[in-house]
Amino acid sequence: MTLEAVFRNFTLKSLKEFDVNKKVKTISDGNSNPITKESIIKDGVIEKRRDPKKLPNNTWRPKFCILTADSLTLHKKSSCDDSEYSHKISLVEVTSVEKIEKGRRHIHFDLVTQTQRIGLRVPSRDVDWLIQIQLAVVACKNRNDFRRELTTKTSLIATKYNLKKNTKNLQEVILDKDEEYGEGIGITIRRAGGCIVVSRILPDGPVEKTQKLQPGDEILNVNGIEILEQEAEEVAQQIRSIQGSVVLLIKPLIKSTSSSPTIEYTYTTEL
């Protein structure tokens, strides 16, 4: 049976009868998760090139394939009536989609993983298979990059994400400027670990009088404006330009009970 005939004979009824919750064999090291119908991006028949070491001539075999956000599963036969799988390719292991060639009848491409190269082809009219696989690979890598960023303490992405999740540890501090003191509020600040941090409390300033800040407190925004990507001097100028009250959203320093030595920072900005 040709690949075109397989597509013609494949019906919606057979898909409904197909049990996608069966165990699969995977080429990844992790445990495979059951595939639900709701998680399927695309399914249908793709031809897979047989191993050239075993069969010197290019021999193609139709496979019933299921694409999800995390994997491409290759069914052993071109029909969904069979319950056995040959592969479940984890998209996070895909390094590239290469050798894309569009012929008169087929589109050929190689799915390259960390351990092997898998030759695939689809009918020329079904270019959506190639597009959806490429999009799923990119989306999977973006999700993993984001998760990796969240585990980095100095990551700006992690800082923003954790702020949205952990608002209970944040405090709003309102400081009224003193005309006799000047434009500042009586602190020095510095950038450390991707954050703007209070370095010192200056004598006779609004902060010292109210005792609402302490060295080590992180300043997250000023009068509702996020400052995570700004330098210390930019934040200082922003605070100096404010007339009247200054509203700071801060993450207070959690004092440690250990006897670690205090580190002095000389590169600070006074405001």
Protein backbone atom coordinates (compact mmCIF):
# COMPACT_ATOMS: atom_id res chain seq x y z
CA MET A 1 0.00 0.00 0.00
CA THR A 2 1.38 3.40 -0.95
CA LEU A 3 1.69 6.30 1.48
CA GLU A 4 -1.10 8.17 -0.34
CA ALA A 5 -3.40 5.16 0.06
CA VAL A 6 -2.64 5.00 3.76
CA PHE A 7 -3.75 8.63 4.11
CA ARG A 8 -6.96 7.94 2.17
CA ASN A 9 -7.82 4.90 4.30
CA PHE A 10 -7.11 6.59 7.59
CA THR A 11 -10.45 7.69 9.09
CA LEU A 12 -11.58 9.69 12.09
CA LYS A 13 -13.28 6.58 13.44
CA SER A 14 -9.99 4.71 13.63
CA LEU A 15 -8.45 7.63 15.50
CA LYS A 16 -11.25 7.57 18.09
CA GLU A 17 -10.66 3.86 18.63
CA PHE A 18 -6.93 4.38 19.00
CA ASP A 19 -5.73 4.05 22.61
CA VAL A 20 -3.06 6.72 23.03
CA ASN A 21 -2.56 5.92 26.72
CA LYS A 22 -0.45 2.81 26.20
CA LYS A 23 3.18 2.57 27.28
CA VAL A 24 5.81 3.46 24.74
CA LYS A 25 9.45 2.73 24.21
CA THR A 26 11.51 5.93 24.37
CA ILE A 27 14.98 6.84 23.22
CA SER A 28 15.32 9.35 26.05
CA ASP A 29 16.69 8.49 29.47
CA GLY A 30 13.62 9.66 31.40
CA ASN A 31 10.37 7.81 32.01
CA SER A 32 7.72 8.25 29.32
CA ASN A 33 4.44 9.93 30.20
CA PRO A 34 1.07 8.75 28.84
CA ILE A 35 -0.15 10.62 25.76
CA THR A 36 -3.69 11.97 25.98
CA LYS A 37 -5.82 13.00 23.01
CA GLU A 38 -5.95 16.54 24.38
CA SER A 39 -2.15 16.83 24.20
CA ILE A 40 -1.87 15.84 20.52
CA ILE A 41 -0.71 18.63 18.20
CA LYS A 42 -0.79 16.51 15.04
CA ASP A 43 -1.09 12.85 14.14
CA GLY A 44 -0.94 10.85 10.96
CA VAL A 45 1.43 8.88 8.76
CA ILE A 46 5.09 9.75 8.20
CA GLU A 47 7.57 7.57 6.35
CA LYS A 48 10.78 6.71 8.18
CA ARG A 49 14.02 5.76 6.44
CA ARG A 50 15.31 2.34 7.47
CA ASP A 51 18.80 2.06 8.95
CA PRO A 52 21.21 2.23 5.96
CA LYS A 53 23.68 -0.02 7.81
CA LYS A 54 21.12 -2.80 7.81
CA LEU A 55 19.60 -2.00 4.43
CA PRO A 56 22.06 -0.28 2.03
CA ASN A 57 19.31 0.90 -0.32
CA ASN A 58 17.07 3.67 0.96
CA THR A 59 13.98 1.84 2.16
CA TRP A 60 11.06 3.77 3.61
CA ARG A 61 8.44 2.42 5.97
CA PRO A 62 5.21 4.24 6.88
CA LYS A 63 4.78 4.98 10.60
CA PHE A 64 1.74 6.29 12.41
CA CYS A 65 3.10 9.31 14.31
CA ILE A 66 1.83 11.42 17.18
CA LEU A 67 3.30 14.87 17.85
CA THR A 68 2.84 16.48 21.27
CA ALA A 69 4.48 19.47 22.93
CA ASP A 70 7.21 17.19 24.34
CA SER A 71 7.64 14.28 21.96
CA LEU A 72 7.21 12.68 18.54
CA THR A 73 6.01 9.09 18.85
CA LEU A 74 6.54 6.70 15.94
CA HIS A 75 4.10 3.81 15.77
CA LYS A 76 5.43 0.54 14.41
CA LYS A 77 2.94 0.32 11.56
CA SER A 78 1.12 2.81 9.37
CA SER A 79 -2.19 1.98 11.01
CA CYS A 80 -3.44 3.02 14.43
CA ASP A 81 -4.84 -0.49 14.94
CA ASP A 82 -1.45 -1.74 16.14
CA SER A 83 -0.51 -1.16 19.80
CA GLU A 84 3.28 -1.32 19.51
CA TYR A 85 5.65 1.61 19.16
CA SER A 86 9.17 1.80 17.78
CA HIS A 87 10.22 5.16 19.26
CA LYS A 88 9.22 8.05 21.40
CA ILE A 89 11.58 10.91 20.54
CA SER A 90 11.90 13.50 23.28
CA LEU A 91 11.91 16.93 21.60
CA VAL A 92 14.28 18.32 24.21
CA GLU A 93 16.90 15.92 22.80
CA VAL A 94 16.44 17.18 19.23
CA THR A 95 19.41 19.34 18.29
CA SER A 96 18.27 20.30 14.78
CA VAL A 97 16.01 19.59 11.81
CA GLU A 98 18.35 19.25 8.82
CA LYS A 99 18.60 18.32 5.15
CA ILE A 100 15.16 19.65 4.28
CA GLU A 101 14.55 18.84 0.62
CA LYS A 102 11.25 19.37 -1.19
CA GLY A 103 10.73 17.11 -4.18
CA ARG A 104 7.84 16.66 -6.53
CA ARG A 105 6.23 13.97 -4.41
CA HIS A 106 7.85 14.19 -0.96
CA ILE A 107 9.48 16.52 1.53
CA HIS A 108 12.53 14.87 3.09
CA PHE A 109 14.11 15.97 6.38
CA ASP A 110 16.34 14.60 9.12
CA LEU A 111 15.48 14.84 12.80
CA VAL A 112 18.83 14.98 14.61
CA THR A 113 18.94 14.02 18.29
CA GLN A 114 21.83 13.82 20.72
CA THR A 115 22.30 10.14 19.85
CA GLN A 116 21.08 9.57 16.30
CA ARG A 117 19.82 10.94 12.97
CA ILE A 118 16.31 9.93 11.92
CA GLY A 119 15.35 10.32 8.27
CA LEU A 120 11.69 11.17 7.64
CA ARG A 121 9.54 12.17 4.70
CA VAL A 122 5.96 13.31 4.12
CA PRO A 123 3.92 13.97 0.96
CA SER A 124 4.68 17.36 -0.56
CA ARG A 125 1.12 18.51 0.07
CA ASP A 126 1.49 17.83 3.80
CA VAL A 127 4.17 20.42 4.59
CA ASP A 128 2.29 21.15 7.84
CA TRP A 129 4.01 18.12 9.39
CA LEU A 130 7.42 19.73 8.95
CA ILE A 131 6.18 23.11 10.21
CA GLN A 132 4.53 21.67 13.33
CA ILE A 133 7.60 19.58 14.22
CA GLN A 134 9.88 22.61 13.88
CA LEU A 135 7.57 24.79 15.98
CA ALA A 136 7.26 22.11 18.67
CA VAL A 137 11.05 21.70 18.87
CA VAL A 138 11.57 25.46 19.29
CA ALA A 139 8.78 25.76 21.87
CA CYS A 140 10.16 22.83 23.88
CA LYS A 141 13.65 24.35 23.94
CA ASN A 142 12.23 27.74 24.99
CA ARG A 143 10.39 26.12 27.90
CA ASN A 144 13.55 24.35 29.04
CA ASP A 145 15.61 27.54 28.71
CA PHE A 146 13.02 29.34 30.85
CA ARG A 147 13.14 26.62 33.51
CA ARG A 148 16.93 26.83 33.50
CA GLU A 149 16.77 30.60 33.96
CA LEU A 150 14.48 30.16 36.95
CA THR A 151 17.13 28.09 38.72
CA THR A 152 19.74 30.86 38.33
CA LYS A 153 19.67 33.17 41.33
CA THR A 154 21.14 36.12 39.41
CA SER A 155 18.77 35.72 36.46
CA LEU A 156 16.56 38.71 35.70
CA ILE A 157 13.87 36.32 34.44
CA ALA A 158 13.97 34.41 37.74
CA THR A 159 13.72 37.65 39.70
CA LYS A 160 10.66 38.86 37.80
CA TYR A 161 8.97 35.45 37.89
CA ASN A 162 9.54 34.95 41.61
CA LEU A 163 8.26 38.45 42.38
CA LYS A 164 4.93 37.61 40.77
CA LYS A 165 4.69 34.34 42.71
CA ASN A 166 6.01 35.46 46.12
CA THR A 167 4.37 38.78 46.96
CA LYS A 168 3.82 38.01 50.65
CA ASN A 169 7.46 38.82 51.52
CA LEU A 170 7.33 42.25 49.89
CA GLN A 171 6.69 45.54 51.65
CA GLU A 172 5.61 48.97 50.50
CA VAL A 173 7.55 51.84 52.08
CA ILE A 174 6.31 55.45 51.86
CA LEU A 175 8.89 58.19 52.51
CA ASP A 176 8.14 61.89 52.63
CA LYS A 177 10.96 64.06 51.35
CA ASP A 178 12.45 66.69 53.61
CA GLU A 179 12.93 70.05 51.88
CA GLU A 180 15.81 70.92 54.21
CA TYR A 181 17.58 67.63 53.41
CA GLY A 182 17.31 68.01 49.63
CA GLU A 183 16.21 65.83 46.72
CA GLY A 184 17.40 62.50 48.13
CA ILE A 185 16.00 60.25 50.85
CA GLY A 186 19.26 59.54 52.71
CA ILE A 187 20.58 56.22 51.43
CA THR A 188 23.26 54.87 49.10
CA ILE A 189 22.35 52.07 46.68
CA ARG A 190 24.29 49.62 44.53
CA ARG A 191 23.58 46.93 41.96
CA ALA A 192 24.29 43.41 43.23
CA GLY A 193 23.19 40.06 41.79
CA GLY A 194 20.88 41.71 39.28
CA CYS A 195 19.09 43.76 41.99
CA ILE A 196 19.19 47.30 43.38
CA VAL A 197 20.19 47.00 47.04
CA VAL A 198 20.37 49.55 49.89
CA SER A 199 24.04 49.87 50.83
CA ARG A 200 24.11 52.47 53.63
CA ILE A 201 21.73 54.67 55.61
CA LEU A 202 22.94 58.27 55.71
CA PRO A 203 22.59 60.34 58.89
CA ASP A 204 19.74 62.85 59.34
CA GLY A 205 17.91 61.71 56.19
CA PRO A 206 14.23 60.74 55.81
CA VAL A 207 15.12 57.01 55.90
CA GLU A 208 17.09 57.26 59.15
CA LYS A 209 14.30 59.24 60.80
CA THR A 210 11.62 56.71 59.85
CA GLN A 211 13.85 53.60 60.09
CA LYS A 212 11.80 51.96 57.34
CA LEU A 213 14.83 50.67 55.41
CA GLN A 214 17.99 48.82 56.35
CA PRO A 215 21.19 47.93 54.47
CA GLY A 216 20.61 44.87 52.31
CA ASP A 217 16.97 45.61 51.45
CA GLU A 218 16.21 45.15 47.74
CA ILE A 219 14.33 47.92 45.94
CA LEU A 220 12.01 46.44 43.31
CA ASN A 221 10.11 49.46 42.01
CA VAL A 222 9.83 53.18 42.61
CA ASN A 223 6.38 54.81 42.57
CA GLY A 224 5.03 51.81 40.65
CA ILE A 225 7.83 51.79 38.04
CA GLU A 226 9.84 48.56 37.82
CA ILE A 227 13.60 49.16 38.14
CA LEU A 228 15.04 45.64 37.81
CA GLU A 229 16.87 46.48 34.57
CA GLN A 230 18.10 49.91 35.65
CA GLU A 231 21.51 50.86 36.97
CA ALA A 232 21.93 52.37 40.44
CA GLU A 233 22.53 55.88 39.09
CA GLU A 234 19.35 55.72 37.00
CA VAL A 235 17.31 54.71 40.06
CA ALA A 236 18.91 57.50 42.10
CA GLN A 237 18.01 60.11 39.46
CA GLN A 238 14.46 58.76 39.31
CA ILE A 239 14.04 59.12 43.09
CA ARG A 240 15.58 62.59 43.13
CA SER A 241 13.13 63.76 40.45
CA ILE A 242 10.07 62.76 42.48
CA GLN A 243 8.19 65.61 44.16
CA GLY A 244 6.57 64.83 47.50
CA SER A 245 6.33 61.22 48.68
CA VAL A 246 8.49 58.36 47.40
CA VAL A 247 6.82 54.93 47.37
CA LEU A 248 9.24 51.99 47.29
CA LEU A 249 8.36 48.32 46.90
CA ILE A 250 11.08 46.43 48.74
CA LYS A 251 12.11 42.91 49.60
CA PRO A 252 13.45 43.20 53.16
CA LEU A 253 16.79 41.65 54.03
CA ILE A 254 16.44 38.40 55.96
CA LYS A 255 19.16 38.56 58.56
CA SER A 256 21.23 35.42 58.95
CA THR A 257 22.07 34.02 62.38
CA SER A 258 25.52 32.91 61.17
CA SER A 259 28.63 34.90 62.02
CA SER A 260 29.65 35.57 58.40
CA PRO A 261 31.94 38.57 57.87
CA THR A 262 30.35 41.74 56.46
CA ILE A 263 31.49 42.73 52.96
CA GLU A 264 31.86 46.45 52.23
CA TYR A 265 31.00 47.74 48.74
CA THR A 266 32.69 50.94 47.63
CA TYR A 267 30.88 51.49 44.33
CA THR A 268 27.61 52.99 45.53
CA THR A 269 25.30 55.81 44.47
CA GLU A 270 24.07 58.31 47.04
CA LEU A 271 20.58 59.70 46.95
